[in-house]
Structure formats: C-alpha cells, structure tokens
Amino acid sequence: MPIYEYRCTDCGHTLEALQKMSAPALTDCPACGKATLTKLVSAAGFQLKGSGWYATDFKSKSAPACPLKPEGKAVEAPPPACAANCACH
C-alpha cells in the first residue's frame, strides 16, 4: 500500500497516511478538525539499481555486428542480405 502525504490548507498541519489506492482521500484534519486536507504530490520512494529485473529483462541489448561489413570500413547503406537491426547502419 502506498503512503500518501496530506496538508491542511487551514492550519498547515501535515501528515502521512498508509492507504489503499482505491481508498477515498482523507478530508478531515486531525489537528484542527476542519475538512480542509489536500493530498500532496511527492516523489516515489524507490530507485532501480544493480543487475535486477530491469537490467536482465528490459534494458536494450547492443545491436549485433553485421556479418557482411568489412572490418574497419564504413558502410553507407546496408547490404541487401544484412539484418535490419545490425550495427552497420
């Protein structure tokens, strides 16, 4: 369940609430009792690091080398038999 941040527009009290995504937003301020709470937008609390699922499942692979490209020479247009996703073009 995500943690949502709220701020009272009347008294300025801030709070965090652990709620389901389908739960209605809180409206009543616990400090002043008025129905003036607003949900704040905040940054996500995680980062993708290391060699986990992103690097192994979604990160783009390098293009394969062209088997028809002569070593050390540039190819302006791909040869007819070249794969569409090779590294020569």
PDB file of N, CA and C in Angstrom:
ATOM      1  N   MET A   1       0.837  -1.179   0.000  1.00  0.00           N
ATOM      2  CA  MET A   1       0.000   0.000   0.000  1.00  0.00           C
ATOM      3  C   MET A   1       0.882   1.243   0.000  1.00  0.00           C
ATOM      4  N   PRO A   2       0.499   2.241  -0.764  1.00  0.00           N
ATOM      5  CA  PRO A   2       1.296   3.476  -0.811  1.00  0.00           C
ATOM      6  C   PRO A   2       1.055   4.372   0.405  1.00  0.00           C
ATOM      7  N   ILE A   3       2.027   5.215   0.653  1.00  0.00           N
ATOM      8  CA  ILE A   3       1.923   6.219   1.717  1.00  0.00           C
ATOM      9  C   ILE A   3       1.624   7.549   1.048  1.00  0.00           C
ATOM     10  N   TYR A   4       0.531   8.189   1.445  1.00  0.00           N
ATOM     11  CA  TYR A   4       0.135   9.477   0.893  1.00  0.00           C
ATOM     12  C   TYR A   4       0.429  10.578   1.902  1.00  0.00           C
ATOM     13  N   GLU A   5       0.803  11.746   1.395  1.00  0.00           N
ATOM     14  CA  GLU A   5       1.044  12.907   2.236  1.00  0.00           C
ATOM     15  C   GLU A   5      -0.127  13.869   2.095  1.00  0.00           C
ATOM     16  N   TYR A   6      -0.542  14.450   3.212  1.00  0.00           N
ATOM     17  CA  TYR A   6      -1.634  15.411   3.236  1.00  0.00           C
ATOM     18  C   TYR A   6      -1.199  16.664   3.977  1.00  0.00           C
ATOM     19  N   ARG A   7      -1.804  17.796   3.598  1.00  0.00           N
ATOM     20  CA  ARG A   7      -1.573  19.056   4.308  1.00  0.00           C
ATOM     21  C   ARG A   7      -2.920  19.757   4.465  1.00  0.00           C
ATOM     22  N   CYS A   8      -3.129  20.311   5.655  1.00  0.00           N
ATOM     23  CA  CYS A   8      -4.343  21.073   5.922  1.00  0.00           C
ATOM     24  C   CYS A   8      -4.142  22.489   5.369  1.00  0.00           C
ATOM     25  N   THR A   9      -5.060  22.920   4.522  1.00  0.00           N
ATOM     26  CA  THR A   9      -4.952  24.268   3.952  1.00  0.00           C
ATOM     27  C   THR A   9      -5.336  25.340   4.955  1.00  0.00           C
ATOM     28  N   ASP A  10      -5.970  24.965   6.067  1.00  0.00           N
ATOM     29  CA  ASP A  10      -6.381  25.943   7.072  1.00  0.00           C
ATOM     30  C   ASP A  10      -5.297  26.169   8.131  1.00  0.00           C
ATOM     31  N   CYS A  11      -4.817  25.075   8.748  1.00  0.00           N
ATOM     32  CA  CYS A  11      -3.847  25.239   9.845  1.00  0.00           C
ATOM     33  C   CYS A  11      -2.416  24.878   9.445  1.00  0.00           C
ATOM     34  N   GLY A  12      -2.201  24.237   8.280  1.00  0.00           N
ATOM     35  CA  GLY A  12      -0.857  23.898   7.823  1.00  0.00           C
ATOM     36  C   GLY A  12      -0.332  22.572   8.352  1.00  0.00           C
ATOM     37  N   HIS A  13      -1.116  21.838   9.116  1.00  0.00           N
ATOM     38  CA  HIS A  13      -0.691  20.538   9.656  1.00  0.00           C
ATOM     39  C   HIS A  13      -0.436  19.565   8.502  1.00  0.00           C
ATOM     40  N   THR A  14       0.665  18.810   8.582  1.00  0.00           N
ATOM     41  CA  THR A  14       0.962  17.793   7.572  1.00  0.00           C
ATOM     42  C   THR A  14       0.945  16.416   8.215  1.00  0.00           C
ATOM     43  N   LEU A  15       0.587  15.402   7.414  1.00  0.00           N
ATOM     44  CA  LEU A  15       0.570  14.032   7.915  1.00  0.00           C
ATOM     45  C   LEU A  15       0.767  13.071   6.768  1.00  0.00           C
ATOM     46  N   GLU A  16       1.157  11.852   7.111  1.00  0.00           N
ATOM     47  CA  GLU A  16       1.296  10.763   6.158  1.00  0.00           C
ATOM     48  C   GLU A  16       0.271   9.701   6.513  1.00  0.00           C
ATOM     49  N   ALA A  17      -0.331   9.081   5.484  1.00  0.00           N
ATOM     50  CA  ALA A  17      -1.335   8.048   5.723  1.00  0.00           C
ATOM     51  C   ALA A  17      -1.071   6.861   4.807  1.00  0.00           C
ATOM     52  N   LEU A  18      -1.051   5.671   5.385  1.00  0.00           N
ATOM     53  CA  LEU A  18      -0.905   4.430   4.628  1.00  0.00           C
ATOM     54  C   LEU A  18      -2.307   4.014   4.192  1.00  0.00           C
ATOM     55  N   GLN A  19      -2.573   4.088   2.879  1.00  0.00           N
ATOM     56  CA  GLN A  19      -3.913   3.824   2.367  1.00  0.00           C
ATOM     57  C   GLN A  19      -3.855   2.960   1.121  1.00  0.00           C
ATOM     58  N   LYS A  20      -4.939   2.254   0.854  1.00  0.00           N
ATOM     59  CA  LYS A  20      -5.076   1.548  -0.408  1.00  0.00           C
ATOM     60  C   LYS A  20      -5.266   2.588  -1.502  1.00  0.00           C
ATOM     61  N   MET A  21      -4.884   2.227  -2.725  1.00  0.00           N
ATOM     62  CA  MET A  21      -5.063   3.152  -3.846  1.00  0.00           C
ATOM     63  C   MET A  21      -6.539   3.416  -4.113  1.00  0.00           C
ATOM     64  N   SER A  22      -7.389   2.464  -3.802  1.00  0.00           N
ATOM     65  CA  SER A  22      -8.824   2.608  -4.040  1.00  0.00           C
ATOM     66  C   SER A  22      -9.547   3.345  -2.910  1.00  0.00           C
ATOM     67  N   ALA A  23      -8.855   3.617  -1.809  1.00  0.00           N
ATOM     68  CA  ALA A  23      -9.474   4.295  -0.672  1.00  0.00           C
ATOM     69  C   ALA A  23      -9.723   5.772  -1.004  1.00  0.00           C
ATOM     70  N   PRO A  24     -10.807   6.333  -0.490  1.00  0.00           N
ATOM     71  CA  PRO A  24     -11.057   7.759  -0.737  1.00  0.00           C
ATOM     72  C   PRO A  24     -10.031   8.622  -0.004  1.00  0.00           C
ATOM     73  N   ALA A  25      -9.773   9.796  -0.550  1.00  0.00           N
ATOM     74  CA  ALA A  25      -8.807  10.720   0.062  1.00  0.00           C
ATOM     75  C   ALA A  25      -9.328  11.199   1.413  1.00  0.00           C
ATOM     76  N   LEU A  26      -8.405  11.423   2.342  1.00  0.00           N
ATOM     77  CA  LEU A  26      -8.786  11.964   3.648  1.00  0.00           C
ATOM     78  C   LEU A  26      -9.184  13.423   3.489  1.00  0.00           C
ATOM     79  N   THR A  27     -10.129  13.866   4.309  1.00  0.00           N
ATOM     80  CA  THR A  27     -10.578  15.257   4.215  1.00  0.00           C
ATOM     81  C   THR A  27     -10.499  15.992   5.546  1.00  0.00           C
ATOM     82  N   ASP A  28     -10.671  15.282   6.663  1.00  0.00           N
ATOM     83  CA  ASP A  28     -10.708  15.933   7.979  1.00  0.00           C
ATOM     84  C   ASP A  28      -9.329  16.009   8.607  1.00  0.00           C
ATOM     85  N   CYS A  29      -8.914  17.214   8.993  1.00  0.00           N
ATOM     86  CA  CYS A  29      -7.621  17.432   9.631  1.00  0.00           C
ATOM     87  C   CYS A  29      -7.679  16.967  11.081  1.00  0.00           C
ATOM     88  N   PRO A  30      -6.724  16.118  11.513  1.00  0.00           N
ATOM     89  CA  PRO A  30      -6.725  15.659  12.902  1.00  0.00           C
ATOM     90  C   PRO A  30      -6.322  16.761  13.886  1.00  0.00           C
ATOM     91  N   ALA A  31      -5.655  17.809  13.412  1.00  0.00           N
ATOM     92  CA  ALA A  31      -5.209  18.890  14.304  1.00  0.00           C
ATOM     93  C   ALA A  31      -6.311  19.909  14.582  1.00  0.00           C
ATOM     94  N   CYS A  32      -6.977  20.379  13.522  1.00  0.00           N
ATOM     95  CA  CYS A  32      -7.986  21.434  13.725  1.00  0.00           C
ATOM     96  C   CYS A  32      -9.415  20.937  13.544  1.00  0.00           C
ATOM     97  N   GLY A  33      -9.600  19.735  12.976  1.00  0.00           N
ATOM     98  CA  GLY A  33     -10.933  19.166  12.826  1.00  0.00           C
ATOM     99  C   GLY A  33     -11.703  19.642  11.605  1.00  0.00           C
ATOM    100  N   LYS A  34     -11.139  20.532  10.816  1.00  0.00           N
ATOM    101  CA  LYS A  34     -11.839  21.039   9.632  1.00  0.00           C
ATOM    102  C   LYS A  34     -11.613  20.105   8.446  1.00  0.00           C
ATOM    103  N   ALA A  35     -12.508  20.139   7.495  1.00  0.00           N
ATOM    104  CA  ALA A  35     -12.428  19.290   6.304  1.00  0.00           C
ATOM    105  C   ALA A  35     -11.636  20.005   5.210  1.00  0.00           C
ATOM    106  N   THR A  36     -10.377  20.303   5.507  1.00  0.00           N
ATOM    107  CA  THR A  36      -9.549  21.074   4.568  1.00  0.00           C
ATOM    108  C   THR A  36      -8.222  20.381   4.228  1.00  0.00           C
ATOM    109  N   LEU A  37      -8.173  19.059   4.320  1.00  0.00           N
ATOM    110  CA  LEU A  37      -6.956  18.329   3.941  1.00  0.00           C
ATOM    111  C   LEU A  37      -6.869  18.224   2.425  1.00  0.00           C
ATOM    112  N   THR A  38      -5.667  18.406   1.894  1.00  0.00           N
ATOM    113  CA  THR A  38      -5.417  18.193   0.473  1.00  0.00           C
ATOM    114  C   THR A  38      -4.257  17.211   0.321  1.00  0.00           C
ATOM    115  N   LYS A  39      -4.371  16.355  -0.685  1.00  0.00           N
ATOM    116  CA  LYS A  39      -3.326  15.359  -0.948  1.00  0.00           C
ATOM    117  C   LYS A  39      -2.169  16.047  -1.655  1.00  0.00           C
ATOM    118  N   LEU A  40      -0.941  15.783  -1.215  1.00  0.00           N
ATOM    119  CA  LEU A  40       0.254  16.373  -1.805  1.00  0.00           C
ATOM    120  C   LEU A  40       0.857  15.427  -2.831  1.00  0.00           C
ATOM    121  N   VAL A  41       1.557  15.982  -3.802  1.00  0.00           N
ATOM    122  CA  VAL A  41       2.284  15.186  -4.783  1.00  0.00           C
ATOM    123  C   VAL A  41       3.723  15.078  -4.299  1.00  0.00           C
ATOM    124  N   SER A  42       4.233  13.863  -4.238  1.00  0.00           N
ATOM    125  CA  SER A  42       5.608  13.669  -3.767  1.00  0.00           C
ATOM    126  C   SER A  42       6.317  12.667  -4.660  1.00  0.00           C
ATOM    127  N   ALA A  43       7.626  12.613  -4.547  1.00  0.00           N
ATOM    128  CA  ALA A  43       8.442  11.709  -5.359  1.00  0.00           C
ATOM    129  C   ALA A  43       8.282  10.274  -4.886  1.00  0.00           C
ATOM    130  N   ALA A  44       8.485   9.350  -5.819  1.00  0.00           N
ATOM    131  CA  ALA A  44       8.437   7.934  -5.471  1.00  0.00           C
ATOM    132  C   ALA A  44       9.610   7.589  -4.571  1.00  0.00           C
ATOM    133  N   GLY A  45       9.440   6.624  -3.705  1.00  0.00           N
ATOM    134  CA  GLY A  45      10.466   6.279  -2.740  1.00  0.00           C
ATOM    135  C   GLY A  45      11.296   5.071  -3.108  1.00  0.00           C
ATOM    136  N   PHE A  46      11.578   4.855  -4.390  1.00  0.00           N
ATOM    137  CA  PHE A  46      12.433   3.733  -4.770  1.00  0.00           C
ATOM    138  C   PHE A  46      13.274   4.104  -5.976  1.00  0.00           C
ATOM    139  N   GLN A  47      14.361   3.370  -6.155  1.00  0.00           N
ATOM    140  CA  GLN A  47      15.252   3.558  -7.287  1.00  0.00           C
ATOM    141  C   GLN A  47      15.592   2.199  -7.865  1.00  0.00           C
ATOM    142  N   LEU A  48      15.770   2.161  -9.185  1.00  0.00           N
ATOM    143  CA  LEU A  48      16.179   0.921  -9.840  1.00  0.00           C
ATOM    144  C   LEU A  48      17.691   0.931  -9.964  1.00  0.00           C
ATOM    145  N   LYS A  49      18.350   0.018  -9.231  1.00  0.00           N
ATOM    146  CA  LYS A  49      19.811  -0.063  -9.241  1.00  0.00           C
ATOM    147  C   LYS A  49      20.234  -1.510  -9.400  1.00  0.00           C
ATOM    148  N   GLY A  50      21.463  -1.696  -9.778  1.00  0.00           N
ATOM    149  CA  GLY A  50      22.045  -3.032  -9.791  1.00  0.00           C
ATOM    150  C   GLY A  50      21.678  -3.843 -11.015  1.00  0.00           C
ATOM    151  N   SER A  51      21.811  -5.144 -10.907  1.00  0.00           N
ATOM    152  CA  SER A  51      21.577  -6.041 -12.037  1.00  0.00           C
ATOM    153  C   SER A  51      20.295  -6.827 -11.842  1.00  0.00           C
ATOM    154  N   GLY A  52      19.264  -6.188 -11.364  1.00  0.00           N
ATOM    155  CA  GLY A  52      17.990  -6.850 -11.108  1.00  0.00           C
ATOM    156  C   GLY A  52      17.156  -7.015 -12.362  1.00  0.00           C
ATOM    157  N   TRP A  53      15.850  -7.079 -12.192  1.00  0.00           N
ATOM    158  CA  TRP A  53      14.943  -7.383 -13.290  1.00  0.00           C
ATOM    159  C   TRP A  53      15.025  -6.357 -14.417  1.00  0.00           C
ATOM    160  N   TYR A  54      15.294  -5.086 -14.138  1.00  0.00           N
ATOM    161  CA  TYR A  54      15.367  -4.083 -15.204  1.00  0.00           C
ATOM    162  C   TYR A  54      16.519  -4.397 -16.157  1.00  0.00           C
ATOM    163  N   ALA A  55      17.693  -4.652 -15.598  1.00  0.00           N
ATOM    164  CA  ALA A  55      18.879  -4.898 -16.424  1.00  0.00           C
ATOM    165  C   ALA A  55      18.774  -6.219 -17.181  1.00  0.00           C
ATOM    166  N   THR A  56      18.112  -7.199 -16.607  1.00  0.00           N
ATOM    167  CA  THR A  56      18.052  -8.502 -17.254  1.00  0.00           C
ATOM    168  C   THR A  56      16.840  -8.668 -18.163  1.00  0.00           C
ATOM    169  N   ASP A  57      15.742  -7.947 -17.899  1.00  0.00           N
ATOM    170  CA  ASP A  57      14.523  -8.161 -18.662  1.00  0.00           C
ATOM    171  C   ASP A  57      14.154  -7.036 -19.625  1.00  0.00           C
ATOM    172  N   PHE A  58      14.499  -5.784 -19.304  1.00  0.00           N
ATOM    173  CA  PHE A  58      14.013  -4.673 -20.101  1.00  0.00           C
ATOM    174  C   PHE A  58      15.090  -3.803 -20.734  1.00  0.00           C
ATOM    175  N   LYS A  59      16.292  -3.832 -20.244  1.00  0.00           N
ATOM    176  CA  LYS A  59      17.340  -2.981 -20.772  1.00  0.00           C
ATOM    177  C   LYS A  59      17.664  -3.409 -22.200  1.00  0.00           C
ATOM    178  N   SER A  60      17.818  -2.440 -23.109  1.00  0.00           N
ATOM    179  CA  SER A  60      18.063  -2.778 -24.512  1.00  0.00           C
ATOM    180  C   SER A  60      19.425  -3.444 -24.674  1.00  0.00           C
ATOM    181  N   LYS A  61      19.451  -4.403 -25.525  1.00  0.00           N
ATOM    182  CA  LYS A  61      20.699  -5.121 -25.825  1.00  0.00           C
ATOM    183  C   LYS A  61      21.434  -4.371 -26.928  1.00  0.00           C
ATOM    184  N   SER A  62      22.750  -4.522 -26.998  1.00  0.00           N
ATOM    185  CA  SER A  62      23.500  -3.879 -28.079  1.00  0.00           C
ATOM    186  C   SER A  62      23.190  -4.599 -29.387  1.00  0.00           C
ATOM    187  N   ALA A  63      23.250  -3.868 -30.474  1.00  0.00           N
ATOM    188  CA  ALA A  63      22.936  -4.434 -31.784  1.00  0.00           C
ATOM    189  C   ALA A  63      24.007  -5.440 -32.193  1.00  0.00           C
ATOM    190  N   PRO A  64      23.610  -6.511 -32.864  1.00  0.00           N
ATOM    191  CA  PRO A  64      24.605  -7.495 -33.303  1.00  0.00           C
ATOM    192  C   PRO A  64      25.482  -6.908 -34.412  1.00  0.00           C
ATOM    193  N   ALA A  65      26.694  -7.395 -34.497  1.00  0.00           N
ATOM    194  CA  ALA A  65      27.620  -6.941 -35.543  1.00  0.00           C
ATOM    195  C   ALA A  65      27.140  -7.454 -36.892  1.00  0.00           C
ATOM    196  N   CYS A  66      27.387  -6.672 -37.911  1.00  0.00           N
ATOM    197  CA  CYS A  66      26.984  -7.052 -39.267  1.00  0.00           C
ATOM    198  C   CYS A  66      27.963  -8.098 -39.798  1.00  0.00           C
ATOM    199  N   PRO A  67      27.484  -9.251 -40.204  1.00  0.00           N
ATOM    200  CA  PRO A  67      28.395 -10.274 -40.714  1.00  0.00           C
ATOM    201  C   PRO A  67      28.929  -9.942 -42.106  1.00  0.00           C
ATOM    202  N   LEU A  68      28.301  -8.989 -42.815  1.00  0.00           N
ATOM    203  CA  LEU A  68      28.714  -8.658 -44.181  1.00  0.00           C
ATOM    204  C   LEU A  68      29.585  -7.413 -44.247  1.00  0.00           C
ATOM    205  N   LYS A  69      29.771  -6.705 -43.133  1.00  0.00           N
ATOM    206  CA  LYS A  69      30.556  -5.470 -43.134  1.00  0.00           C
ATOM    207  C   LYS A  69      32.046  -5.791 -43.077  1.00  0.00           C
ATOM    208  N   PRO A  70      32.830  -5.273 -44.018  1.00  0.00           N
ATOM    209  CA  PRO A  70      34.286  -5.491 -43.962  1.00  0.00           C
ATOM    210  C   PRO A  70      34.864  -4.779 -42.746  1.00  0.00           C
ATOM    211  N   GLU A  71      35.802  -5.393 -42.083  1.00  0.00           N
ATOM    212  CA  GLU A  71      36.417  -4.821 -40.885  1.00  0.00           C
ATOM    213  C   GLU A  71      37.084  -3.494 -41.184  1.00  0.00           C
ATOM    214  N   GLY A  72      36.824  -2.489 -40.362  1.00  0.00           N
ATOM    215  CA  GLY A  72      37.475  -1.192 -40.473  1.00  0.00           C
ATOM    216  C   GLY A  72      36.950  -0.313 -41.584  1.00  0.00           C
ATOM    217  N   LYS A  73      35.920  -0.709 -42.309  1.00  0.00           N
ATOM    218  CA  LYS A  73      35.383   0.102 -43.394  1.00  0.00           C
ATOM    219  C   LYS A  73      33.937   0.479 -43.070  1.00  0.00           C
ATOM    220  N   ALA A  74      33.594   1.717 -43.392  1.00  0.00           N
ATOM    221  CA  ALA A  74      32.235   2.188 -43.162  1.00  0.00           C
ATOM    222  C   ALA A  74      31.314   1.707 -44.275  1.00  0.00           C
ATOM    223  N   VAL A  75      30.079   1.414 -43.904  1.00  0.00           N
ATOM    224  CA  VAL A  75      29.070   1.009 -44.877  1.00  0.00           C
ATOM    225  C   VAL A  75      28.005   2.089 -44.890  1.00  0.00           C
ATOM    226  N   GLU A  76      27.785   2.730 -46.043  1.00  0.00           N
ATOM    227  CA  GLU A  76      26.810   3.812 -46.124  1.00  0.00           C
ATOM    228  C   GLU A  76      25.386   3.275 -46.171  1.00  0.00           C
ATOM    229  N   ALA A  77      25.128   2.253 -46.919  1.00  0.00           N
ATOM    230  CA  ALA A  77      23.798   1.640 -46.996  1.00  0.00           C
ATOM    231  C   ALA A  77      23.959   0.174 -46.632  1.00  0.00           C
ATOM    232  N   PRO A  78      22.988  -0.395 -45.951  1.00  0.00           N
ATOM    233  CA  PRO A  78      23.127  -1.800 -45.568  1.00  0.00           C
ATOM    234  C   PRO A  78      23.089  -2.711 -46.784  1.00  0.00           C
ATOM    235  N   PRO A  79      23.916  -3.741 -46.791  1.00  0.00           N
ATOM    236  CA  PRO A  79      23.876  -4.712 -47.885  1.00  0.00           C
ATOM    237  C   PRO A  79      22.499  -5.369 -47.930  1.00  0.00           C
ATOM    238  N   PRO A  80      22.068  -5.875 -49.092  1.00  0.00           N
ATOM    239  CA  PRO A  80      20.734  -6.476 -49.202  1.00  0.00           C
ATOM    240  C   PRO A  80      20.511  -7.639 -48.236  1.00  0.00           C
ATOM    241  N   ALA A  81      21.548  -8.410 -47.951  1.00  0.00           N
ATOM    242  CA  ALA A  81      21.391  -9.562 -47.086  1.00  0.00           C
ATOM    243  C   ALA A  81      21.579  -9.233 -45.605  1.00  0.00           C
ATOM    244  N   CYS A  82      21.779  -7.958 -45.287  1.00  0.00           N
ATOM    245  CA  CYS A  82      22.042  -7.532 -43.912  1.00  0.00           C
ATOM    246  C   CYS A  82      20.753  -7.551 -43.092  1.00  0.00           C
ATOM    247  N   ALA A  83      20.862  -7.911 -41.848  1.00  0.00           N
ATOM    248  CA  ALA A  83      19.707  -7.887 -40.964  1.00  0.00           C
ATOM    249  C   ALA A  83      19.304  -6.440 -40.684  1.00  0.00           C
ATOM    250  N   ALA A  84      18.042  -6.195 -40.495  1.00  0.00           N
ATOM    251  CA  ALA A  84      17.548  -4.834 -40.306  1.00  0.00           C
ATOM    252  C   ALA A  84      18.041  -4.202 -39.014  1.00  0.00           C
ATOM    253  N   ASN A  85      18.416  -4.993 -38.045  1.00  0.00           N
ATOM    254  CA  ASN A  85      18.828  -4.432 -36.764  1.00  0.00           C
ATOM    255  C   ASN A  85      20.309  -4.640 -36.457  1.00  0.00           C
ATOM    256  N   CYS A  86      21.145  -4.816 -37.473  1.00  0.00           N
ATOM    257  CA  CYS A  86      22.577  -4.993 -37.204  1.00  0.00           C
ATOM    258  C   CYS A  86      23.243  -3.659 -36.937  1.00  0.00           C
ATOM    259  N   ALA A  87      24.447  -3.657 -36.504  1.00  0.00           N
ATOM    260  CA  ALA A  87      25.158  -2.446 -36.075  1.00  0.00           C
ATOM    261  C   ALA A  87      25.789  -1.666 -37.218  1.00  0.00           C
ATOM    262  N   CYS A  88      25.672  -2.122 -38.474  1.00  0.00           N
ATOM    263  CA  CYS A  88      26.355  -1.426 -39.562  1.00  0.00           C
ATOM    264  C   CYS A  88      25.551  -0.249 -40.097  1.00  0.00           C
ATOM    265  N   HIS A  89      24.325  -0.094 -39.739  1.00  0.00           N
ATOM    266  CA  HIS A  89      23.522   1.045 -40.223  1.00  0.00           C
ATOM    267  C   HIS A  89      22.618   1.581 -39.152  1.00  0.00           C
TER     268      HIS A  89
END
